[in-house]
Amino acid sequence: MEEETARIGEVTERTELSSRTLRHYDEIGLVTPSARTEGGFRLYTEADIARILLIRRMKPLGFTLDEMRELLDVVDALAASPDDVDLRKRLDAIRDETAERREKLSRQVAMADEFMEQLSQV
């Protein structure tokens, strides 16, 4: 049975990323679509889309493309070797970094809320 795929337009709607961004991810090897049509159109599987959504969730936290690639590499390696202690440590470090970035983002949102409140009182 053939796996269902989605074209780039559908993926942009589901991920809220532009087709330009998805093409860039493909060009740099961050997320390569699993297939292409005879005409060369990119076809993404659900696994591809899950990877893209993982990356999308990293963007607001300011992760670089290299950091995103590192996470994907760790996730892929853990799928093959789930008990690898070094990989688990790398994943834990990424989790810690994510928590720190989330806290910083939360503080920034709180400051933005305070600013909006001040503006409403003018």
PDB file of N, CA and C in Angstrom:
ATOM      1  N   MET A   1       0.845  -1.176   0.000  1.00  0.00           N
ATOM      2  CA  MET A   1       0.000   0.000   0.000  1.00  0.00           C
ATOM      3  C   MET A   1       0.900   1.253   0.000  1.00  0.00           C
ATOM      4  N   GLU A   2       0.576   2.190  -0.843  1.00  0.00           N
ATOM      5  CA  GLU A   2       1.379   3.392  -0.990  1.00  0.00           C
ATOM      6  C   GLU A   2       1.016   4.422   0.079  1.00  0.00           C
ATOM      7  N   GLU A   3       2.035   5.034   0.663  1.00  0.00           N
ATOM      8  CA  GLU A   3       1.825   6.039   1.703  1.00  0.00           C
ATOM      9  C   GLU A   3       1.258   7.317   1.091  1.00  0.00           C
ATOM     10  N   GLU A   4       0.301   7.914   1.795  1.00  0.00           N
ATOM     11  CA  GLU A   4      -0.275   9.169   1.311  1.00  0.00           C
ATOM     12  C   GLU A   4       0.749  10.284   1.406  1.00  0.00           C
ATOM     13  N   THR A   5       0.686  11.168   0.426  1.00  0.00           N
ATOM     14  CA  THR A   5       1.607  12.297   0.408  1.00  0.00           C
ATOM     15  C   THR A   5       0.822  13.586   0.178  1.00  0.00           C
ATOM     16  N   ALA A   6       1.476  14.679   0.490  1.00  0.00           N
ATOM     17  CA  ALA A   6       0.880  16.000   0.308  1.00  0.00           C
ATOM     18  C   ALA A   6       1.835  16.860  -0.499  1.00  0.00           C
ATOM     19  N   ARG A   7       1.268  17.694  -1.338  1.00  0.00           N
ATOM     20  CA  ARG A   7       2.082  18.641  -2.094  1.00  0.00           C
ATOM     21  C   ARG A   7       2.393  19.843  -1.214  1.00  0.00           C
ATOM     22  N   ILE A   8       3.311  20.640  -1.685  1.00  0.00           N
ATOM     23  CA  ILE A   8       3.833  21.744  -0.887  1.00  0.00           C
ATOM     24  C   ILE A   8       2.733  22.724  -0.455  1.00  0.00           C
ATOM     25  N   GLY A   9       1.742  22.962  -1.300  1.00  0.00           N
ATOM     26  CA  GLY A   9       0.662  23.885  -0.941  1.00  0.00           C
ATOM     27  C   GLY A   9      -0.099  23.433   0.293  1.00  0.00           C
ATOM     28  N   GLU A  10      -0.401  22.158   0.356  1.00  0.00           N
ATOM     29  CA  GLU A  10      -1.103  21.613   1.516  1.00  0.00           C
ATOM     30  C   GLU A  10      -0.218  21.687   2.759  1.00  0.00           C
ATOM     31  N   VAL A  11       1.061  21.417   2.576  1.00  0.00           N
ATOM     32  CA  VAL A  11       1.991  21.452   3.703  1.00  0.00           C
ATOM     33  C   VAL A  11       2.124  22.876   4.235  1.00  0.00           C
ATOM     34  N   THR A  12       2.135  23.870   3.351  1.00  0.00           N
ATOM     35  CA  THR A  12       2.216  25.253   3.821  1.00  0.00           C
ATOM     36  C   THR A  12       0.991  25.612   4.651  1.00  0.00           C
ATOM     37  N   GLU A  13      -0.172  25.142   4.249  1.00  0.00           N
ATOM     38  CA  GLU A  13      -1.390  25.411   5.016  1.00  0.00           C
ATOM     39  C   GLU A  13      -1.336  24.741   6.381  1.00  0.00           C
ATOM     40  N   ARG A  14      -0.869  23.525   6.426  1.00  0.00           N
ATOM     41  CA  ARG A  14      -0.838  22.779   7.686  1.00  0.00           C
ATOM     42  C   ARG A  14       0.235  23.273   8.644  1.00  0.00           C
ATOM     43  N   THR A  15       1.334  23.769   8.109  1.00  0.00           N
ATOM     44  CA  THR A  15       2.455  24.153   8.962  1.00  0.00           C
ATOM     45  C   THR A  15       2.572  25.654   9.177  1.00  0.00           C
ATOM     46  N   GLU A  16       1.840  26.431   8.399  1.00  0.00           N
ATOM     47  CA  GLU A  16       1.912  27.892   8.428  1.00  0.00           C
ATOM     48  C   GLU A  16       3.315  28.394   8.092  1.00  0.00           C
ATOM     49  N   LEU A  17       4.031  27.645   7.286  1.00  0.00           N
ATOM     50  CA  LEU A  17       5.322  28.067   6.759  1.00  0.00           C
ATOM     51  C   LEU A  17       5.155  28.312   5.264  1.00  0.00           C
ATOM     52  N   SER A  18       5.940  29.201   4.722  1.00  0.00           N
ATOM     53  CA  SER A  18       5.825  29.516   3.303  1.00  0.00           C
ATOM     54  C   SER A  18       6.447  28.409   2.450  1.00  0.00           C
ATOM     55  N   SER A  19       6.017  28.361   1.209  1.00  0.00           N
ATOM     56  CA  SER A  19       6.615  27.396   0.294  1.00  0.00           C
ATOM     57  C   SER A  19       8.089  27.726   0.086  1.00  0.00           C
ATOM     58  N   ARG A  20       8.431  28.993   0.138  1.00  0.00           N
ATOM     59  CA  ARG A  20       9.840  29.399   0.020  1.00  0.00           C
ATOM     60  C   ARG A  20      10.666  28.799   1.163  1.00  0.00           C
ATOM     61  N   THR A  21      10.127  28.846   2.378  1.00  0.00           N
ATOM     62  CA  THR A  21      10.818  28.267   3.530  1.00  0.00           C
ATOM     63  C   THR A  21      10.979  26.764   3.358  1.00  0.00           C
ATOM     64  N   LEU A  22       9.918  26.089   2.926  1.00  0.00           N
ATOM     65  CA  LEU A  22       9.997  24.635   2.743  1.00  0.00           C
ATOM     66  C   LEU A  22      11.008  24.274   1.658  1.00  0.00           C
ATOM     67  N   ARG A  23      11.033  25.047   0.593  1.00  0.00           N
ATOM     68  CA  ARG A  23      12.022  24.796  -0.463  1.00  0.00           C
ATOM     69  C   ARG A  23      13.438  25.006   0.073  1.00  0.00           C
ATOM     70  N   HIS A  24      13.603  26.038   0.900  1.00  0.00           N
ATOM     71  CA  HIS A  24      14.917  26.294   1.497  1.00  0.00           C
ATOM     72  C   HIS A  24      15.336  25.135   2.392  1.00  0.00           C
ATOM     73  N   TYR A  25      14.423  24.640   3.218  1.00  0.00           N
ATOM     74  CA  TYR A  25      14.732  23.493   4.074  1.00  0.00           C
ATOM     75  C   TYR A  25      15.169  22.298   3.234  1.00  0.00           C
ATOM     76  N   ASP A  26      14.519  22.115   2.094  1.00  0.00           N
ATOM     77  CA  ASP A  26      14.885  21.029   1.190  1.00  0.00           C
ATOM     78  C   ASP A  26      16.284  21.269   0.607  1.00  0.00           C
ATOM     79  N   GLU A  27      16.531  22.476   0.158  1.00  0.00           N
ATOM     80  CA  GLU A  27      17.824  22.804  -0.467  1.00  0.00           C
ATOM     81  C   GLU A  27      19.003  22.600   0.491  1.00  0.00           C
ATOM     82  N   ILE A  28      18.804  22.914   1.757  1.00  0.00           N
ATOM     83  CA  ILE A  28      19.896  22.773   2.727  1.00  0.00           C
ATOM     84  C   ILE A  28      19.890  21.405   3.412  1.00  0.00           C
ATOM     85  N   GLY A  29      18.932  20.566   3.048  1.00  0.00           N
ATOM     86  CA  GLY A  29      18.887  19.212   3.592  1.00  0.00           C
ATOM     87  C   GLY A  29      18.310  19.104   4.987  1.00  0.00           C
ATOM     88  N   LEU A  30      17.611  20.128   5.445  1.00  0.00           N
ATOM     89  CA  LEU A  30      17.016  20.074   6.782  1.00  0.00           C
ATOM     90  C   LEU A  30      15.826  19.124   6.793  1.00  0.00           C
ATOM     91  N   VAL A  31      14.911  19.312   5.860  1.00  0.00           N
ATOM     92  CA  VAL A  31      13.793  18.384   5.675  1.00  0.00           C
ATOM     93  C   VAL A  31      13.628  18.191   4.175  1.00  0.00           C
ATOM     94  N   THR A  32      13.933  16.997   3.733  1.00  0.00           N
ATOM     95  CA  THR A  32      13.806  16.666   2.322  1.00  0.00           C
ATOM     96  C   THR A  32      12.517  15.885   2.123  1.00  0.00           C
ATOM     97  N   PRO A  33      11.683  16.295   1.182  1.00  0.00           N
ATOM     98  CA  PRO A  33      10.452  15.535   0.935  1.00  0.00           C
ATOM     99  C   PRO A  33      10.776  14.089   0.565  1.00  0.00           C
ATOM    100  N   SER A  34       9.911  13.194   0.937  1.00  0.00           N
ATOM    101  CA  SER A  34      10.156  11.776   0.719  1.00  0.00           C
ATOM    102  C   SER A  34      10.050  11.356  -0.741  1.00  0.00           C
ATOM    103  N   ALA A  35       9.349  12.158  -1.538  1.00  0.00           N
ATOM    104  CA  ALA A  35       9.165  11.781  -2.941  1.00  0.00           C
ATOM    105  C   ALA A  35       8.946  13.030  -3.786  1.00  0.00           C
ATOM    106  N   ARG A  36       8.938  12.796  -5.077  1.00  0.00           N
ATOM    107  CA  ARG A  36       8.617  13.848  -6.045  1.00  0.00           C
ATOM    108  C   ARG A  36       7.751  13.229  -7.132  1.00  0.00           C
ATOM    109  N   THR A  37       6.921  14.080  -7.721  1.00  0.00           N
ATOM    110  CA  THR A  37       6.121  13.619  -8.846  1.00  0.00           C
ATOM    111  C   THR A  37       7.025  13.502 -10.069  1.00  0.00           C
ATOM    112  N   GLU A  38       6.510  12.935 -11.130  1.00  0.00           N
ATOM    113  CA  GLU A  38       7.283  12.858 -12.371  1.00  0.00           C
ATOM    114  C   GLU A  38       7.665  14.248 -12.853  1.00  0.00           C
ATOM    115  N   GLY A  39       6.829  15.231 -12.530  1.00  0.00           N
ATOM    116  CA  GLY A  39       7.095  16.609 -12.924  1.00  0.00           C
ATOM    117  C   GLY A  39       8.020  17.352 -11.965  1.00  0.00           C
ATOM    118  N   GLY A  40       8.468  16.682 -10.906  1.00  0.00           N
ATOM    119  CA  GLY A  40       9.407  17.278  -9.976  1.00  0.00           C
ATOM    120  C   GLY A  40       8.794  17.971  -8.771  1.00  0.00           C
ATOM    121  N   PHE A  41       7.471  17.891  -8.619  1.00  0.00           N
ATOM    122  CA  PHE A  41       6.835  18.522  -7.464  1.00  0.00           C
ATOM    123  C   PHE A  41       7.139  17.727  -6.200  1.00  0.00           C
ATOM    124  N   ARG A  42       7.397  18.457  -5.136  1.00  0.00           N
ATOM    125  CA  ARG A  42       7.721  17.826  -3.852  1.00  0.00           C
ATOM    126  C   ARG A  42       6.482  17.155  -3.267  1.00  0.00           C
ATOM    127  N   LEU A  43       6.695  15.959  -2.719  1.00  0.00           N
ATOM    128  CA  LEU A  43       5.633  15.219  -2.052  1.00  0.00           C
ATOM    129  C   LEU A  43       6.098  14.887  -0.636  1.00  0.00           C
ATOM    130  N   TYR A  44       5.309  15.299   0.344  1.00  0.00           N
ATOM    131  CA  TYR A  44       5.662  15.133   1.748  1.00  0.00           C
ATOM    132  C   TYR A  44       4.775  14.069   2.388  1.00  0.00           C
ATOM    133  N   THR A  45       5.385  13.193   3.173  1.00  0.00           N
ATOM    134  CA  THR A  45       4.642  12.201   3.940  1.00  0.00           C
ATOM    135  C   THR A  45       4.257  12.813   5.290  1.00  0.00           C
ATOM    136  N   GLU A  46       3.468  12.078   6.043  1.00  0.00           N
ATOM    137  CA  GLU A  46       3.112  12.537   7.387  1.00  0.00           C
ATOM    138  C   GLU A  46       4.364  12.653   8.261  1.00  0.00           C
ATOM    139  N   ALA A  47       5.311  11.758   8.075  1.00  0.00           N
ATOM    140  CA  ALA A  47       6.564  11.838   8.843  1.00  0.00           C
ATOM    141  C   ALA A  47       7.328  13.113   8.478  1.00  0.00           C
ATOM    142  N   ASP A  48       7.342  13.466   7.198  1.00  0.00           N
ATOM    143  CA  ASP A  48       7.994  14.707   6.768  1.00  0.00           C
ATOM    144  C   ASP A  48       7.326  15.912   7.419  1.00  0.00           C
ATOM    145  N   ILE A  49       6.004  15.899   7.417  1.00  0.00           N
ATOM    146  CA  ILE A  49       5.243  17.016   7.986  1.00  0.00           C
ATOM    147  C   ILE A  49       5.477  17.105   9.490  1.00  0.00           C
ATOM    148  N   ALA A  50       5.577  15.975  10.154  1.00  0.00           N
ATOM    149  CA  ALA A  50       5.867  15.982  11.597  1.00  0.00           C
ATOM    150  C   ALA A  50       7.226  16.627  11.862  1.00  0.00           C
ATOM    151  N   ARG A  51       8.208  16.334  11.028  1.00  0.00           N
ATOM    152  CA  ARG A  51       9.538  16.949  11.172  1.00  0.00           C
ATOM    153  C   ARG A  51       9.456  18.462  10.970  1.00  0.00           C
ATOM    154  N   ILE A  52       8.685  18.865   9.962  1.00  0.00           N
ATOM    155  CA  ILE A  52       8.528  20.296   9.688  1.00  0.00           C
ATOM    156  C   ILE A  52       7.853  20.983  10.865  1.00  0.00           C
ATOM    157  N   LEU A  53       6.837  20.352  11.433  1.00  0.00           N
ATOM    158  CA  LEU A  53       6.150  20.945  12.584  1.00  0.00           C
ATOM    159  C   LEU A  53       7.071  21.036  13.796  1.00  0.00           C
ATOM    160  N   LEU A  54       7.948  20.069  13.959  1.00  0.00           N
ATOM    161  CA  LEU A  54       8.934  20.130  15.041  1.00  0.00           C
ATOM    162  C   LEU A  54       9.825  21.354  14.857  1.00  0.00           C
ATOM    163  N   ILE A  55      10.286  21.546  13.641  1.00  0.00           N
ATOM    164  CA  ILE A  55      11.113  22.711  13.331  1.00  0.00           C
ATOM    165  C   ILE A  55      10.328  23.997  13.564  1.00  0.00           C
ATOM    166  N   ARG A  56       9.082  24.008  13.132  1.00  0.00           N
ATOM    167  CA  ARG A  56       8.251  25.209  13.282  1.00  0.00           C
ATOM    168  C   ARG A  56       8.110  25.599  14.751  1.00  0.00           C
ATOM    169  N   ARG A  57       8.033  24.613  15.595  1.00  0.00           N
ATOM    170  CA  ARG A  57       7.905  24.891  17.027  1.00  0.00           C
ATOM    171  C   ARG A  57       9.197  25.434  17.618  1.00  0.00           C
ATOM    172  N   MET A  58      10.303  25.192  16.962  1.00  0.00           N
ATOM    173  CA  MET A  58      11.598  25.696  17.438  1.00  0.00           C
ATOM    174  C   MET A  58      11.826  27.148  17.017  1.00  0.00           C
ATOM    175  N   LYS A  59      11.191  27.556  15.922  1.00  0.00           N
ATOM    176  CA  LYS A  59      11.440  28.891  15.366  1.00  0.00           C
ATOM    177  C   LYS A  59      11.164  30.027  16.356  1.00  0.00           C
ATOM    178  N   PRO A  60      10.007  30.036  17.042  1.00  0.00           N
ATOM    179  CA  PRO A  60       9.740  31.163  17.954  1.00  0.00           C
ATOM    180  C   PRO A  60      10.720  31.239  19.120  1.00  0.00           C
ATOM    181  N   LEU A  61      11.402  30.137  19.387  1.00  0.00           N
ATOM    182  CA  LEU A  61      12.363  30.103  20.482  1.00  0.00           C
ATOM    183  C   LEU A  61      13.757  30.507  20.028  1.00  0.00           C
ATOM    184  N   GLY A  62      13.889  30.861  18.758  1.00  0.00           N
ATOM    185  CA  GLY A  62      15.146  31.392  18.255  1.00  0.00           C
ATOM    186  C   GLY A  62      16.215  30.362  17.951  1.00  0.00           C
ATOM    187  N   PHE A  63      15.847  29.113  17.785  1.00  0.00           N
ATOM    188  CA  PHE A  63      16.833  28.102  17.419  1.00  0.00           C
ATOM    189  C   PHE A  63      17.332  28.359  16.003  1.00  0.00           C
ATOM    190  N   THR A  64      18.618  28.174  15.785  1.00  0.00           N
ATOM    191  CA  THR A  64      19.205  28.348  14.462  1.00  0.00           C
ATOM    192  C   THR A  64      18.939  27.096  13.623  1.00  0.00           C
ATOM    193  N   LEU A  65      19.169  27.210  12.333  1.00  0.00           N
ATOM    194  CA  LEU A  65      19.013  26.052  11.455  1.00  0.00           C
ATOM    195  C   LEU A  65      19.954  24.922  11.863  1.00  0.00           C
ATOM    196  N   ASP A  66      21.161  25.272  12.273  1.00  0.00           N
ATOM    197  CA  ASP A  66      22.098  24.242  12.728  1.00  0.00           C
ATOM    198  C   ASP A  66      21.593  23.550  13.995  1.00  0.00           C
ATOM    199  N   GLU A  67      21.009  24.312  14.906  1.00  0.00           N
ATOM    200  CA  GLU A  67      20.463  23.717  16.129  1.00  0.00           C
ATOM    201  C   GLU A  67      19.263  22.835  15.802  1.00  0.00           C
ATOM    202  N   MET A  68      18.460  23.264  14.830  1.00  0.00           N
ATOM    203  CA  MET A  68      17.325  22.441  14.401  1.00  0.00           C
ATOM    204  C   MET A  68      17.822  21.136  13.799  1.00  0.00           C
ATOM    205  N   ARG A  69      18.858  21.232  12.977  1.00  0.00           N
ATOM    206  CA  ARG A  69      19.434  20.039  12.360  1.00  0.00           C
ATOM    207  C   ARG A  69      19.974  19.097  13.435  1.00  0.00           C
ATOM    208  N   GLU A  70      20.626  19.660  14.454  1.00  0.00           N
ATOM    209  CA  GLU A  70      21.161  18.826  15.540  1.00  0.00           C
ATOM    210  C   GLU A  70      20.033  18.060  16.217  1.00  0.00           C
ATOM    211  N   LEU A  71      18.926  18.740  16.509  1.00  0.00           N
ATOM    212  CA  LEU A  71      17.802  18.062  17.151  1.00  0.00           C
ATOM    213  C   LEU A  71      17.285  16.940  16.260  1.00  0.00           C
ATOM    214  N   LEU A  72      17.093  17.215  14.978  1.00  0.00           N
ATOM    215  CA  LEU A  72      16.605  16.184  14.074  1.00  0.00           C
ATOM    216  C   LEU A  72      17.576  15.005  14.013  1.00  0.00           C
ATOM    217  N   ASP A  73      18.870  15.292  14.007  1.00  0.00           N
ATOM    218  CA  ASP A  73      19.871  14.223  14.007  1.00  0.00           C
ATOM    219  C   ASP A  73      19.770  13.370  15.270  1.00  0.00           C
ATOM    220  N   VAL A  74      19.588  14.033  16.407  1.00  0.00           N
ATOM    221  CA  VAL A  74      19.457  13.305  17.673  1.00  0.00           C
ATOM    222  C   VAL A  74      18.191  12.446  17.660  1.00  0.00           C
ATOM    223  N   VAL A  75      17.089  13.015  17.216  1.00  0.00           N
ATOM    224  CA  VAL A  75      15.825  12.265  17.161  1.00  0.00           C
ATOM    225  C   VAL A  75      15.968  11.050  16.248  1.00  0.00           C
ATOM    226  N   ASP A  76      16.563  11.253  15.078  1.00  0.00           N
ATOM    227  CA  ASP A  76      16.767  10.135  14.150  1.00  0.00           C
ATOM    228  C   ASP A  76      17.669   9.063  14.755  1.00  0.00           C
ATOM    229  N   ALA A  77      18.748   9.481  15.385  1.00  0.00           N
ATOM    230  CA  ALA A  77      19.688   8.529  15.986  1.00  0.00           C
ATOM    231  C   ALA A  77      19.030   7.767  17.138  1.00  0.00           C
ATOM    232  N   LEU A  78      18.204   8.460  17.918  1.00  0.00           N
ATOM    233  CA  LEU A  78      17.523   7.792  19.031  1.00  0.00           C
ATOM    234  C   LEU A  78      16.499   6.775  18.534  1.00  0.00           C
ATOM    235  N   ALA A  79      15.925   7.026  17.383  1.00  0.00           N
ATOM    236  CA  ALA A  79      14.988   6.049  16.816  1.00  0.00           C
ATOM    237  C   ALA A  79      15.713   4.731  16.528  1.00  0.00           C
ATOM    238  N   ALA A  80      16.961   4.848  16.114  1.00  0.00           N
ATOM    239  CA  ALA A  80      17.758   3.654  15.816  1.00  0.00           C
ATOM    240  C   ALA A  80      18.405   3.055  17.069  1.00  0.00           C
ATOM    241  N   SER A  81      18.744   3.918  18.034  1.00  0.00           N
ATOM    242  CA  SER A  81      19.441   3.471  19.250  1.00  0.00           C
ATOM    243  C   SER A  81      18.825   4.134  20.476  1.00  0.00           C
ATOM    244  N   PRO A  82      17.626   3.710  20.873  1.00  0.00           N
ATOM    245  CA  PRO A  82      16.913   4.399  21.952  1.00  0.00           C
ATOM    246  C   PRO A  82      17.604   4.380  23.309  1.00  0.00           C
ATOM    247  N   ASP A  83      18.538   3.478  23.508  1.00  0.00           N
ATOM    248  CA  ASP A  83      19.205   3.385  24.809  1.00  0.00           C
ATOM    249  C   ASP A  83      20.572   4.058  24.836  1.00  0.00           C
ATOM    250  N   ASP A  84      20.923   4.772  23.784  1.00  0.00           N
ATOM    251  CA  ASP A  84      22.231   5.423  23.705  1.00  0.00           C
ATOM    252  C   ASP A  84      22.307   6.557  24.731  1.00  0.00           C
ATOM    253  N   VAL A  85      23.177   6.408  25.700  1.00  0.00           N
ATOM    254  CA  VAL A  85      23.288   7.353  26.814  1.00  0.00           C
ATOM    255  C   VAL A  85      23.747   8.737  26.328  1.00  0.00           C
ATOM    256  N   ASP A  86      24.713   8.762  25.432  1.00  0.00           N
ATOM    257  CA  ASP A  86      25.206  10.046  24.928  1.00  0.00           C
ATOM    258  C   ASP A  86      24.119  10.809  24.174  1.00  0.00           C
ATOM    259  N   LEU A  87      23.336  10.092  23.375  1.00  0.00           N
ATOM    260  CA  LEU A  87      22.229  10.741  22.663  1.00  0.00           C
ATOM    261  C   LEU A  87      21.190  11.275  23.641  1.00  0.00           C
ATOM    262  N   ARG A  88      20.918  10.501  24.681  1.00  0.00           N
ATOM    263  CA  ARG A  88      19.957  10.946  25.697  1.00  0.00           C
ATOM    264  C   ARG A  88      20.458  12.219  26.384  1.00  0.00           C
ATOM    265  N   LYS A  89      21.762  12.293  26.639  1.00  0.00           N
ATOM    266  CA  LYS A  89      22.331  13.496  27.249  1.00  0.00           C
ATOM    267  C   LYS A  89      22.192  14.694  26.318  1.00  0.00           C
ATOM    268  N   ARG A  90      22.427  14.475  25.028  1.00  0.00           N
ATOM    269  CA  ARG A  90      22.266  15.568  24.058  1.00  0.00           C
ATOM    270  C   ARG A  90      20.818  16.037  24.018  1.00  0.00           C
ATOM    271  N   LEU A  91      19.883  15.083  24.040  1.00  0.00           N
ATOM    272  CA  LEU A  91      18.463  15.445  24.039  1.00  0.00           C
ATOM    273  C   LEU A  91      18.100  16.199  25.316  1.00  0.00           C
ATOM    274  N   ASP A  92      18.632  15.773  26.444  1.00  0.00           N
ATOM    275  CA  ASP A  92      18.382  16.474  27.707  1.00  0.00           C
ATOM    276  C   ASP A  92      18.912  17.909  27.652  1.00  0.00           C
ATOM    277  N   ALA A  93      20.085  18.095  27.054  1.00  0.00           N
ATOM    278  CA  ALA A  93      20.652  19.444  26.923  1.00  0.00           C
ATOM    279  C   ALA A  93      19.768  20.315  26.041  1.00  0.00           C
ATOM    280  N   ILE A  94      19.217  19.738  24.977  1.00  0.00           N
ATOM    281  CA  ILE A  94      18.306  20.494  24.110  1.00  0.00           C
ATOM    282  C   ILE A  94      17.029  20.838  24.865  1.00  0.00           C
ATOM    283  N   ARG A  95      16.540  19.910  25.671  1.00  0.00           N
ATOM    284  CA  ARG A  95      15.345  20.183  26.491  1.00  0.00           C
ATOM    285  C   ARG A  95      15.610  21.328  27.467  1.00  0.00           C
ATOM    286  N   ASP A  96      16.764  21.295  28.113  1.00  0.00           N
ATOM    287  CA  ASP A  96      17.115  22.357  29.054  1.00  0.00           C
ATOM    288  C   ASP A  96      17.188  23.708  28.347  1.00  0.00           C
ATOM    289  N   GLU A  97      17.828  23.729  27.196  1.00  0.00           N
ATOM    290  CA  GLU A  97      17.934  24.962  26.416  1.00  0.00           C
ATOM    291  C   GLU A  97      16.552  25.460  26.000  1.00  0.00           C
ATOM    292  N   THR A  98      15.687  24.534  25.624  1.00  0.00           N
ATOM    293  CA  THR A  98      14.323  24.886  25.235  1.00  0.00           C
ATOM    294  C   THR A  98      13.575  25.516  26.404  1.00  0.00           C
ATOM    295  N   ALA A  99      13.721  24.947  27.585  1.00  0.00           N
ATOM    296  CA  ALA A  99      13.056  25.493  28.773  1.00  0.00           C
ATOM    297  C   ALA A  99      13.547  26.908  29.067  1.00  0.00           C
ATOM    298  N   GLU A 100      14.853  27.132  28.947  1.00  0.00           N
ATOM    299  CA  GLU A 100      15.403  28.470  29.176  1.00  0.00           C
ATOM    300  C   GLU A 100      14.864  29.466  28.154  1.00  0.00           C
ATOM    301  N   ARG A 101      14.826  29.051  26.901  1.00  0.00           N
ATOM    302  CA  ARG A 101      14.325  29.954  25.851  1.00  0.00           C
ATOM    303  C   ARG A 101      12.837  30.237  26.025  1.00  0.00           C
ATOM    304  N   ARG A 102      12.091  29.223  26.462  1.00  0.00           N
ATOM    305  CA  ARG A 102      10.662  29.426  26.683  1.00  0.00           C
ATOM    306  C   ARG A 102      10.436  30.428  27.814  1.00  0.00           C
ATOM    307  N   GLU A 103      11.216  30.312  28.875  1.00  0.00           N
ATOM    308  CA  GLU A 103      11.099  31.237  29.996  1.00  0.00           C
ATOM    309  C   GLU A 103      11.407  32.662  29.543  1.00  0.00           C
ATOM    310  N   LYS A 104      12.438  32.831  28.750  1.00  0.00           N
ATOM    311  CA  LYS A 104      12.778  34.156  28.222  1.00  0.00           C
ATOM    312  C   LYS A 104      11.635  34.698  27.363  1.00  0.00           C
ATOM    313  N   LEU A 105      11.074  33.843  26.518  1.00  0.00           N
ATOM    314  CA  LEU A 105       9.961  34.264  25.670  1.00  0.00           C
ATOM    315  C   LEU A 105       8.747  34.652  26.522  1.00  0.00           C
ATOM    316  N   SER A 106       8.504  33.907  27.581  1.00  0.00           N
ATOM    317  CA  SER A 106       7.394  34.228  28.486  1.00  0.00           C
ATOM    318  C   SER A 106       7.582  35.599  29.123  1.00  0.00           C
ATOM    319  N   ARG A 107       8.821  35.899  29.515  1.00  0.00           N
ATOM    320  CA  ARG A 107       9.093  37.227  30.086  1.00  0.00           C
ATOM    321  C   ARG A 107       8.861  38.320  29.039  1.00  0.00           C
ATOM    322  N   GLN A 108       9.250  38.068  27.812  1.00  0.00           N
ATOM    323  CA  GLN A 108       9.045  39.047  26.753  1.00  0.00           C
ATOM    324  C   GLN A 108       7.561  39.268  26.483  1.00  0.00           C
ATOM    325  N   VAL A 109       6.781  38.205  26.501  1.00  0.00           N
ATOM    326  CA  VAL A 109       5.335  38.329  26.303  1.00  0.00           C
ATOM    327  C   VAL A 109       4.721  39.116  27.451  1.00  0.00           C
ATOM    328  N   ALA A 110       5.176  38.865  28.666  1.00  0.00           N
ATOM    329  CA  ALA A 110       4.668  39.611  29.825  1.00  0.00           C
ATOM    330  C   ALA A 110       4.979  41.099  29.684  1.00  0.00           C
ATOM    331  N   MET A 111       6.180  41.420  29.209  1.00  0.00           N
ATOM    332  CA  MET A 111       6.529  42.831  28.992  1.00  0.00           C
ATOM    333  C   MET A 111       5.668  43.444  27.898  1.00  0.00           C
ATOM    334  N   ALA A 112       5.392  42.679  26.861  1.00  0.00           N
ATOM    335  CA  ALA A 112       4.532  43.175  25.781  1.00  0.00           C
ATOM    336  C   ALA A 112       3.121  43.420  26.297  1.00  0.00           C
ATOM    337  N   ASP A 113       2.627  42.531  27.158  1.00  0.00           N
ATOM    338  CA  ASP A 113       1.306  42.722  27.755  1.00  0.00           C
ATOM    339  C   ASP A 113       1.275  43.985  28.609  1.00  0.00           C
ATOM    340  N   GLU A 114       2.333  44.207  29.391  1.00  0.00           N
ATOM    341  CA  GLU A 114       2.409  45.428  30.206  1.00  0.00           C
ATOM    342  C   GLU A 114       2.419  46.666  29.325  1.00  0.00           C
ATOM    343  N   PHE A 115       3.146  46.608  28.246  1.00  0.00           N
ATOM    344  CA  PHE A 115       3.212  47.735  27.317  1.00  0.00           C
ATOM    345  C   PHE A 115       1.839  48.010  26.702  1.00  0.00           C
ATOM    346  N   MET A 116       1.152  46.968  26.301  1.00  0.00           N
ATOM    347  CA  MET A 116      -0.188  47.141  25.730  1.00  0.00           C
ATOM    348  C   MET A 116      -1.129  47.764  26.757  1.00  0.00           C
ATOM    349  N   GLU A 117      -1.003  47.332  27.996  1.00  0.00           N
ATOM    350  CA  GLU A 117      -1.837  47.878  29.066  1.00  0.00           C
ATOM    351  C   GLU A 117      -1.536  49.378  29.256  1.00  0.00           C
ATOM    352  N   GLN A 118      -0.249  49.728  29.237  1.00  0.00           N
ATOM    353  CA  GLN A 118       0.123  51.137  29.355  1.00  0.00           C
ATOM    354  C   GLN A 118      -0.432  51.959  28.208  1.00  0.00           C
ATOM    355  N   LEU A 119      -0.397  51.425  27.022  1.00  0.00           N
ATOM    356  CA  LEU A 119      -0.913  52.156  25.866  1.00  0.00           C
ATOM    357  C   LEU A 119      -2.420  52.355  25.962  1.00  0.00           C
ATOM    358  N   SER A 120      -3.099  51.380  26.541  1.00  0.00           N
ATOM    359  CA  SER A 120      -4.554  51.514  26.648  1.00  0.00           C
ATOM    360  C   SER A 120      -4.954  52.574  27.686  1.00  0.00           C
ATOM    361  N   GLN A 121      -4.014  52.959  28.544  1.00  0.00           N
ATOM    362  CA  GLN A 121      -4.302  53.945  29.572  1.00  0.00           C
ATOM    363  C   GLN A 121      -3.949  55.365  29.141  1.00  0.00           C
ATOM    364  N   VAL A 122      -3.388  55.500  27.944  1.00  0.00           N
ATOM    365  CA  VAL A 122      -2.982  56.822  27.456  1.00  0.00           C
ATOM    366  C   VAL A 122      -4.183  57.525  26.878  1.00  0.00           C
TER     367      VAL A 122
END
